[in-house]
Protein backbone atom coordinates (compact mmCIF):
# COMPACT_ATOMS: atom_id res chain seq x y z
CA MET A 1 0.00 -0.01 -0.01
CA LYS A 2 1.32 3.44 -0.95
CA THR A 3 1.70 6.11 1.67
CA PHE A 4 1.22 9.73 0.76
CA THR A 5 2.69 12.59 2.70
CA LEU A 6 1.11 16.02 2.70
CA ASP A 7 3.71 18.78 2.65
CA VAL A 8 2.27 22.21 3.32
CA GLU A 9 4.33 25.39 2.97
CA TYR A 10 3.06 28.42 4.84
CA GLU A 11 3.94 31.82 3.45
CA CYS A 12 4.00 34.51 6.15
CA ASP A 13 3.25 38.04 4.95
CA PHE A 14 3.78 39.94 8.20
CA ALA A 15 6.63 41.42 10.19
CA LEU A 16 7.50 39.57 13.40
CA PHE A 17 9.11 41.12 16.45
CA GLY A 18 10.36 39.31 19.53
CA LEU A 19 10.03 41.22 22.81
CA VAL A 20 11.79 40.58 26.12
CA SER A 21 9.66 41.97 28.93
CA SER A 22 9.11 40.83 32.50
CA THR A 23 5.72 42.58 32.73
CA ARG A 24 2.28 40.98 32.53
CA ASP A 25 0.68 40.75 29.10
CA TYR A 26 -2.04 43.32 29.89
CA THR A 27 0.60 45.83 31.06
CA LEU A 28 2.57 45.38 27.84
CA ALA A 29 -0.61 45.72 25.76
CA TRP A 30 -1.49 48.92 27.64
CA ALA A 31 2.03 50.33 27.05
CA LEU A 32 1.83 49.48 23.34
CA ASN A 33 -1.61 51.08 23.13
CA ARG A 34 -0.33 54.30 24.67
CA ALA A 35 2.96 54.50 22.73
CA LEU A 36 1.66 53.47 19.30
CA ARG A 37 -1.90 54.86 19.65
CA LEU A 38 -3.47 51.46 19.15
CA ARG A 39 -6.32 49.65 20.82
CA LEU A 40 -5.10 46.12 21.44
CA VAL A 41 -8.01 44.08 22.77
CA LYS A 42 -7.68 40.77 24.56
CA GLN A 43 -8.98 37.89 22.49
CA PRO A 44 -9.89 34.34 23.52
CA GLU A 45 -6.77 32.30 24.27
CA LEU A 46 -4.99 30.67 21.39
CA LEU A 47 -5.07 26.89 21.82
CA LEU A 48 -2.62 24.46 20.24
CA ASN A 49 -3.72 20.85 20.74
CA LEU A 50 -0.74 18.52 20.45
CA LEU A 51 -1.78 14.91 19.99
CA SER A 52 0.46 13.21 22.50
CA HIS A 53 1.50 16.15 24.71
CA GLY A 54 -1.79 17.80 25.62
CA ARG A 55 -2.52 21.41 24.79
CA LEU A 56 -0.72 24.74 24.93
CA VAL A 57 -2.58 27.94 25.78
CA PHE A 58 -1.33 31.44 24.83
CA THR A 59 -2.73 34.87 25.57
CA HIS A 60 -3.58 36.87 22.48
CA TYR A 61 -4.28 40.58 21.90
CA LEU A 62 -5.49 42.00 18.58
CA TYR A 63 -5.81 45.38 16.92
CA ALA A 64 -7.20 45.27 13.39
CA THR A 65 -8.32 47.88 10.88
CA GLU A 66 -8.94 47.55 7.15
CA THR A 67 -5.28 48.14 6.40
CA LEU A 68 -3.32 47.29 9.57
CA THR A 69 -3.21 44.34 11.97
CA PHE A 70 -1.28 43.98 15.24
CA ARG A 71 -1.17 40.71 17.18
CA LEU A 72 0.53 40.49 20.55
CA LEU A 73 1.08 36.89 21.60
CA ARG A 74 2.65 35.49 24.73
CA ASN A 75 5.37 33.08 23.69
CA ARG A 76 5.18 30.75 26.72
CA SER A 77 2.05 28.68 27.42
CA ILE A 78 0.02 29.81 30.41
CA ALA A 79 -1.28 26.27 30.97
CA PRO A 80 0.91 23.57 32.57
CA SER A 81 2.52 21.30 30.01
CA THR A 82 4.70 18.19 29.96
CA LEU A 83 6.75 19.59 27.08
CA LYS A 84 10.32 20.71 27.65
CA LYS A 85 9.64 23.77 25.50
CA PRO A 86 6.00 24.93 25.93
CA PHE A 87 6.46 27.85 23.51
CA LEU A 88 4.47 29.18 20.58
CA ALA A 89 7.79 29.62 18.75
CA PRO A 90 10.25 27.15 20.33
CA ASP A 91 13.10 28.47 18.16
CA MET A 92 12.58 31.92 19.78
CA LYS A 93 12.27 30.75 23.41
CA GLU A 94 14.36 33.65 24.80
CA TYR A 95 11.58 36.12 23.90
CA ASP A 96 8.61 36.55 26.23
CA TYR A 97 6.21 38.06 23.68
CA LEU A 98 5.78 38.06 19.92
CA LEU A 99 4.33 40.94 17.95
CA ALA A 100 3.08 40.23 14.43
CA VAL A 101 2.38 43.32 12.28
CA SER A 102 0.68 43.18 8.89
CA ASN A 103 0.81 46.13 6.48
CA GLY A 104 2.69 48.54 8.80
CA SER A 105 3.72 51.81 7.16
CA GLY A 106 4.86 55.28 8.11
CA ALA A 107 5.50 55.49 11.85
CA LEU A 108 4.56 51.81 12.13
CA ALA A 109 7.00 50.61 9.44
CA ASP A 110 9.45 47.93 10.50
CA ASP A 111 12.51 50.03 11.41
CA ALA A 112 10.55 52.86 12.97
CA LEU A 113 8.44 50.41 14.96
CA LEU A 114 11.51 48.61 16.24
CA GLN A 115 12.88 51.91 17.54
CA GLN A 116 9.57 52.68 19.26
CA LEU A 117 9.47 49.23 20.85
CA MET A 118 13.02 49.64 22.19
CA ALA A 119 12.07 53.02 23.68
CA LEU A 120 9.32 51.52 25.86
CA ASP A 121 10.17 51.24 29.55
CA VAL A 122 8.50 47.83 29.86
CA VAL A 123 10.55 46.31 27.00
CA GLN A 124 14.10 45.29 27.84
CA TYR A 125 14.94 44.13 24.31
CA ALA A 126 13.24 43.86 20.92
CA CYS A 127 14.35 42.26 17.69
CA GLN A 128 12.80 41.73 14.26
CA PHE A 129 12.69 38.30 12.64
CA ASP A 130 11.78 36.91 9.24
CA PRO A 131 8.81 34.65 10.04
CA ASN A 132 9.45 32.57 6.92
CA SER A 133 12.79 31.44 8.35
CA LEU A 134 11.22 29.99 11.53
CA LYS A 135 10.89 26.27 11.94
CA TYR A 136 7.43 26.49 13.57
CA LYS A 137 5.91 29.25 11.42
CA GLU A 138 2.67 27.29 11.07
CA ASN A 139 1.90 28.21 14.69
CA PHE A 140 1.30 31.79 13.52
CA THR A 141 -1.51 30.91 11.10
CA ILE A 142 -4.36 32.13 13.24
């Protein structure tokens, strides 16, 4: 009997920033709202059900207009897990939060946004990544 394997390639069309911050997610969302003049709103938790390891639960904030989308995601699961690396992006485990930005321009363009993120008191470090180079990029297809 022949076995077929389904290979799916995800193409990510957003900018991804990793944030190191020891604050709570709602405090970081509030700071981003004030600094960037957004309105990030808490969404239902993002659930990843792993067949043999249980589920991972991540907090999720969203700001969306017709032309711009911001997603703030906690990188570490808030639910207990048996996994060694209970992260949304295990290859970026040193970052506490992930910020995905679609269609940013002007003051919210990639370089300008990175400078604004670094200027926040609640953010110790920020870095931009190419989401297409990540091993677990399918976790970002929300």
